[in-house]
Amino acid sequence: MRPTAARLLNILVPVKRCVDYAVKIRVNPQQTGIDTNVKHSMNPFDEIAVEEAVRLRERLKDAVKSIKVVTIGPPKSAETLRTALAMGADSGIHVEIPDSAPSPEPLGVARVLEAIVKRQEGGVDLIIMGKQAIDDDLGQTGQMLAAILGASQATCASKLEVDVEKYVANVRTEIDGGAEELVCKLPAVITTDLRLNEPRYASLPNIMKAKKKPIEKLSASELGVDLTPVLETIKVTEPPKRVGGGKVENVDQLVAKLKEAGFTALST
C-alpha cells in the first residue's frame, strides 16, 4: 500500500455474499453448517463500507481516483459485486472459488486482500470494509489485514473524514462505554459500524450501468494464496428450544416456585 504521486485516493472495498439478514437460519441435515439454499445478499456491514466510499467521492470530488470492490466466493458472488457497482463503485475483482469449497477463514481472506493490494497499479490508499460478516460474526479480517500490510487501522467506525492534504483519516470509533477519535495516517484499513451511514438503494439506471463495468476474475492460486481452512468444524447444531414461562398469582406462589427450582434466600 503506497500513496499515488498526486495523492489521489485509491479506495478498495471488500464485500461478501451472505445469507440474507431476513432469512431464518437453519442447520443443514448433515450438521456440517447452515442451509445455504436460501436467499443471499451483500453483507450489511459491507454495504455500509461501499456507501461510505461513494460518499467520500461525493465529498472529495476528484481527489478520489478510483473505488474498487473485491469479493471471494463462488460464481454467484458476481451478483454481489454488481450490486456494489450499481451503488457507485468503478470496477470489481472476483476471486472465484468452487461452490463446494468451504468458506475462507479470516487469515486466508486477509492474505488474498494483501495480494490484491500489491497488484494494484498506483497502490491502495484506503481500505474500507465491514467490521464483521453476519454469517460467521468473526470480525477478524480487517485487523489481520492491517497487521499484514503494516497499515494504520480503525475498527467499528461511526464517522470517517479524510484529509487529502495531510494524508490522514479522522475516525470516530465505537468502544465500550462511548466513542474515541483517532487520526490514522494513510494508507489505512477502516472497518465500519452500523452507525456510520445508511446505504442507498441503487437506481435502475445505475443497475443497468453496472452491467457494463469491468470485473476482473482471479483465483487464489494466481494470487499465490492457499485458502484451505486450518480449522475443522466437527458439528453444527441448533440451540435448545426455550421452555415457556409460567404465571403466578401472588408473591407466595413466586417464592414457592423459586424454592422448587432450587433457589434459596441469601443469608445476611
Protein backbone atom coordinates (compact mmCIF):
# COMPACT_ATOMS: atom_id res chain seq x y z
CA MET A 1 0.00 0.00 0.00
CA ARG A 2 1.62 3.24 -1.13
CA PRO A 3 0.26 6.69 -1.94
CA THR A 4 -0.03 7.86 -5.52
CA ALA A 5 2.22 10.71 -6.61
CA ALA A 6 -0.66 13.20 -6.88
CA ARG A 7 -2.21 11.93 -3.62
CA LEU A 8 -5.37 10.89 -5.42
CA LEU A 9 -7.10 8.27 -3.32
CA ASN A 10 -7.48 4.70 -4.49
CA ILE A 11 -10.12 3.02 -2.33
CA LEU A 12 -10.60 -0.73 -2.02
CA VAL A 13 -13.81 -2.18 -0.55
CA PRO A 14 -14.02 -5.94 0.17
CA VAL A 15 -17.58 -7.30 0.10
CA LYS A 16 -19.06 -10.69 0.95
CA ARG A 17 -22.09 -12.63 -0.25
CA CYS A 18 -24.01 -13.84 2.82
CA VAL A 19 -27.32 -15.44 3.64
CA ASP A 20 -29.80 -12.55 3.63
CA TYR A 21 -30.31 -10.95 7.05
CA ALA A 22 -34.09 -11.56 6.89
CA VAL A 23 -33.76 -15.33 6.32
CA LYS A 24 -34.30 -17.69 9.26
CA ILE A 25 -31.08 -19.66 9.63
CA ARG A 26 -31.39 -23.46 9.70
CA VAL A 27 -28.76 -26.15 10.19
CA ASN A 28 -28.33 -28.48 7.21
CA PRO A 29 -29.28 -32.18 7.56
CA GLN A 30 -25.59 -33.23 7.67
CA GLN A 31 -24.98 -30.87 10.62
CA THR A 32 -21.86 -29.57 8.90
CA GLY A 33 -23.09 -25.98 8.62
CA ILE A 34 -26.17 -23.96 7.73
CA ASP A 35 -28.57 -24.49 4.84
CA THR A 36 -27.34 -22.22 2.04
CA ASN A 37 -30.16 -22.94 -0.42
CA VAL A 38 -31.81 -19.67 0.55
CA LYS A 39 -31.75 -16.02 -0.50
CA HIS A 40 -28.33 -14.34 -0.37
CA SER A 41 -27.35 -10.68 -0.42
CA MET A 42 -24.40 -8.43 0.37
CA ASN A 43 -23.24 -8.47 3.98
CA PRO A 44 -24.95 -5.39 5.54
CA PHE A 45 -21.70 -4.09 7.07
CA ASP A 46 -20.08 -4.27 3.62
CA GLU A 47 -22.98 -2.28 2.13
CA ILE A 48 -22.14 0.43 4.64
CA ALA A 49 -18.49 0.30 3.53
CA VAL A 50 -19.44 0.72 -0.14
CA GLU A 51 -21.77 3.58 0.73
CA GLU A 52 -19.04 5.34 2.71
CA ALA A 53 -16.57 5.03 -0.16
CA VAL A 54 -19.12 6.57 -2.53
CA ARG A 55 -19.87 9.36 -0.05
CA LEU A 56 -16.16 10.11 0.25
CA ARG A 57 -16.05 10.60 -3.51
CA GLU A 58 -19.09 12.89 -3.35
CA ARG A 59 -17.38 14.99 -0.67
CA LEU A 60 -13.83 14.95 -2.01
CA LYS A 61 -14.76 15.03 -5.71
CA ASP A 62 -11.74 14.44 -7.96
CA ALA A 63 -9.48 13.62 -5.00
CA VAL A 64 -10.85 10.06 -5.17
CA LYS A 65 -9.31 8.42 -8.21
CA SER A 66 -10.97 5.01 -8.00
CA ILE A 67 -13.30 2.84 -5.93
CA LYS A 68 -12.71 -0.85 -6.48
CA VAL A 69 -14.71 -3.66 -4.85
CA VAL A 70 -13.45 -7.19 -4.34
CA THR A 71 -15.13 -10.42 -3.28
CA ILE A 72 -14.05 -14.00 -2.65
CA GLY A 73 -16.70 -16.58 -3.37
CA PRO A 74 -18.49 -18.88 -5.82
CA PRO A 75 -19.70 -17.72 -9.26
CA LYS A 76 -22.93 -16.26 -7.81
CA SER A 77 -20.83 -13.79 -5.81
CA ALA A 78 -20.57 -11.76 -9.02
CA GLU A 79 -24.12 -10.59 -8.26
CA THR A 80 -22.83 -9.03 -5.04
CA LEU A 81 -20.15 -7.18 -7.00
CA ARG A 82 -22.76 -5.88 -9.44
CA THR A 83 -24.78 -4.53 -6.51
CA ALA A 84 -21.71 -2.64 -5.26
CA LEU A 85 -21.02 -1.34 -8.76
CA ALA A 86 -24.62 -0.13 -9.02
CA MET A 87 -24.15 1.77 -5.75
CA GLY A 88 -21.26 3.71 -7.29
CA ALA A 89 -18.05 1.65 -7.33
CA ASP A 90 -15.98 1.81 -10.52
CA SER A 91 -14.79 -1.77 -11.01
CA GLY A 92 -14.59 -5.13 -9.31
CA ILE A 93 -12.37 -8.12 -8.68
CA HIS A 94 -13.84 -11.59 -8.21
CA VAL A 95 -11.58 -14.19 -6.62
CA GLU A 96 -13.63 -17.21 -7.61
CA ILE A 97 -13.82 -20.42 -5.60
CA PRO A 98 -15.94 -23.53 -6.32
CA ASP A 99 -19.48 -23.80 -4.95
CA SER A 100 -18.38 -26.84 -2.97
CA ALA A 101 -15.40 -25.09 -1.37
CA PRO A 102 -15.61 -24.20 2.33
CA SER A 103 -15.92 -20.53 3.24
CA PRO A 104 -12.43 -18.97 3.52
CA GLU A 105 -11.21 -18.18 7.01
CA PRO A 106 -10.26 -14.60 8.04
CA LEU A 107 -6.49 -15.11 7.71
CA GLY A 108 -6.93 -16.59 4.22
CA VAL A 109 -9.13 -13.66 3.21
CA ALA A 110 -6.56 -11.20 4.59
CA ARG A 111 -3.81 -12.92 2.60
CA VAL A 112 -5.87 -12.67 -0.60
CA LEU A 113 -6.57 -8.99 0.02
CA GLU A 114 -2.88 -8.37 0.68
CA ALA A 115 -2.02 -9.95 -2.68
CA ILE A 116 -4.67 -7.85 -4.43
CA VAL A 117 -3.38 -4.65 -2.84
CA LYS A 118 0.13 -5.41 -4.08
CA ARG A 119 -1.19 -5.93 -7.61
CA GLN A 120 -2.87 -2.54 -7.85
CA GLU A 121 -1.12 -0.03 -10.05
CA GLY A 122 -0.71 3.17 -8.06
CA GLY A 123 -1.28 1.34 -4.78
CA VAL A 124 -4.24 1.45 -2.40
CA ASP A 125 -4.62 4.36 -0.01
CA LEU A 126 -7.71 3.34 1.92
CA ILE A 127 -9.45 0.03 2.56
CA ILE A 128 -12.99 0.30 3.91
CA MET A 129 -14.66 -2.95 4.94
CA GLY A 130 -17.40 -4.29 7.20
CA LYS A 131 -16.37 -4.89 10.81
CA GLN A 132 -17.78 -8.43 10.55
CA ALA A 133 -19.86 -10.71 8.34
CA ILE A 134 -23.30 -11.68 9.62
CA ASP A 135 -22.81 -15.35 8.72
CA ASP A 136 -19.82 -16.15 10.96
CA ASP A 137 -19.57 -12.93 13.06
CA LEU A 138 -15.81 -13.40 13.39
CA GLY A 139 -14.81 -9.75 13.00
CA GLN A 140 -11.11 -10.52 12.43
CA THR A 141 -10.26 -9.89 8.77
CA GLY A 142 -9.78 -6.11 8.96
CA GLN A 143 -7.38 -6.30 11.89
CA MET A 144 -5.41 -9.15 10.31
CA LEU A 145 -5.13 -7.30 7.00
CA ALA A 146 -3.87 -4.12 8.67
CA ALA A 147 -1.25 -6.13 10.57
CA ILE A 148 -0.07 -7.94 7.44
CA LEU A 149 0.19 -4.71 5.45
CA GLY A 150 1.71 -2.72 8.31
CA ALA A 151 -1.04 -0.14 7.81
CA SER A 152 -2.96 2.06 10.24
CA GLN A 153 -6.30 0.68 11.40
CA ALA A 154 -9.52 1.90 13.00
CA THR A 155 -12.31 -0.55 13.78
CA CYS A 156 -16.07 -0.08 14.30
CA ALA A 157 -16.02 3.36 12.67
CA SER A 158 -19.12 5.53 13.14
CA LYS A 159 -17.67 8.60 11.40
CA LEU A 160 -14.96 8.96 8.76
CA GLU A 161 -13.32 12.06 7.33
CA VAL A 162 -10.26 12.05 5.07
CA ASP A 163 -7.84 14.97 4.87
CA VAL A 164 -6.22 14.54 1.46
CA GLU A 165 -3.64 17.29 2.01
CA LYS A 166 -2.41 15.85 5.31
CA TYR A 167 -2.91 12.30 4.02
CA VAL A 168 -4.73 11.17 7.16
CA ALA A 169 -8.13 9.77 8.09
CA ASN A 170 -10.02 11.15 11.08
CA VAL A 171 -12.16 8.36 12.50
CA ARG A 172 -14.64 8.13 15.34
CA THR A 173 -14.83 4.55 16.59
CA GLU A 174 -17.34 2.85 18.86
CA ILE A 175 -15.88 1.44 22.08
CA ASP A 176 -17.33 0.07 25.32
CA GLY A 177 -19.00 2.94 27.10
CA GLY A 178 -18.70 5.54 24.34
CA ALA A 179 -16.54 6.55 21.40
CA GLU A 180 -12.99 7.66 20.66
CA GLU A 181 -11.45 9.86 17.98
CA LEU A 182 -8.48 8.51 16.04
CA VAL A 183 -6.19 10.10 13.48
CA CYS A 184 -4.86 7.42 11.14
CA LYS A 185 -2.03 8.04 8.76
CA LEU A 186 -2.81 6.67 5.31
CA PRO A 187 -2.68 4.03 3.98
CA ALA A 188 -5.22 2.64 6.45
CA VAL A 189 -7.79 -0.09 7.00
CA ILE A 190 -11.15 1.09 8.34
CA THR A 191 -13.93 -1.28 9.45
CA THR A 192 -17.48 0.03 9.53
CA ASP A 193 -20.08 0.13 12.27
CA LEU A 194 -23.85 0.33 11.72
CA ARG A 195 -23.92 3.98 12.82
CA LEU A 196 -21.61 5.15 10.02
CA ASN A 197 -24.34 5.65 7.41
CA GLU A 198 -27.48 4.27 5.81
CA PRO A 199 -26.74 2.67 2.42
CA ARG A 200 -28.58 3.96 -0.62
CA TYR A 201 -30.77 1.92 -2.92
CA ALA A 202 -29.30 1.55 -6.39
CA SER A 203 -31.39 3.27 -9.07
CA LEU A 204 -32.47 1.41 -12.20
CA PRO A 205 -30.15 3.44 -14.49
CA ASN A 206 -27.20 2.69 -12.21
CA ILE A 207 -28.12 -1.01 -12.13
CA MET A 208 -28.01 -1.01 -15.94
CA LYS A 209 -24.69 0.87 -15.98
CA ALA A 210 -23.22 -1.63 -13.50
CA LYS A 211 -23.64 -4.41 -16.05
CA LYS A 212 -21.04 -2.71 -18.25
CA LYS A 213 -18.49 -2.01 -15.52
CA PRO A 214 -15.42 -4.28 -15.58
CA ILE A 215 -14.98 -7.25 -13.23
CA GLU A 216 -11.60 -8.98 -13.18
CA LYS A 217 -11.70 -12.70 -12.40
CA LEU A 218 -8.85 -14.27 -10.45
CA SER A 219 -8.20 -17.43 -8.49
CA ALA A 220 -6.48 -17.85 -5.15
CA SER A 221 -3.73 -19.86 -6.83
CA GLU A 222 -2.99 -16.97 -9.22
CA LEU A 223 -2.50 -14.78 -6.16
CA GLY A 224 -0.27 -17.38 -4.51
CA VAL A 225 -2.65 -17.92 -1.59
CA ASP A 226 -3.84 -21.24 -0.15
CA LEU A 227 -7.41 -20.92 1.13
CA THR A 228 -7.51 -24.41 2.68
CA PRO A 229 -9.09 -23.99 6.14
CA VAL A 230 -6.85 -24.64 9.14
CA LEU A 231 -9.85 -25.19 11.41
CA GLU A 232 -12.24 -28.13 11.18
CA THR A 233 -15.91 -27.82 12.08
CA ILE A 234 -16.88 -31.04 13.83
CA LYS A 235 -20.61 -30.46 14.19
CA VAL A 236 -23.19 -27.69 13.97
CA THR A 237 -26.44 -27.92 15.94
CA GLU A 238 -29.28 -25.57 16.72
CA PRO A 239 -29.55 -24.18 20.26
CA PRO A 240 -32.01 -25.97 22.57
CA LYS A 241 -35.61 -24.85 22.38
CA ARG A 242 -36.58 -22.32 25.02
CA VAL A 243 -39.04 -23.56 27.63
CA GLY A 244 -42.10 -21.36 28.07
CA GLY A 245 -42.55 -19.42 31.30
CA GLY A 246 -45.45 -19.55 33.75
CA LYS A 247 -47.60 -17.04 35.58
CA VAL A 248 -48.13 -16.80 39.34
CA GLU A 249 -50.98 -15.13 41.17
CA ASN A 250 -49.05 -13.67 44.10
CA VAL A 251 -45.68 -13.39 45.85
CA ASP A 252 -46.21 -16.55 47.89
CA GLN A 253 -46.59 -18.62 44.73
CA LEU A 254 -43.49 -16.95 43.27
CA VAL A 255 -41.44 -17.86 46.36
CA ALA A 256 -42.74 -21.43 46.24
CA LYS A 257 -41.80 -21.74 42.54
CA LEU A 258 -38.31 -20.42 43.23
CA LYS A 259 -37.83 -22.94 46.03
CA GLU A 260 -38.97 -25.76 43.75
CA ALA A 261 -36.38 -24.64 41.23
CA GLY A 262 -33.66 -24.81 43.88
CA PHE A 263 -33.31 -21.11 44.67
CA THR A 264 -32.90 -20.24 48.32
CA ALA A 265 -32.75 -16.95 50.20
CA LEU A 266 -29.34 -15.41 50.83
CA SER A 267 -28.24 -15.39 54.45
CA THR A 268 -27.44 -11.99 55.91
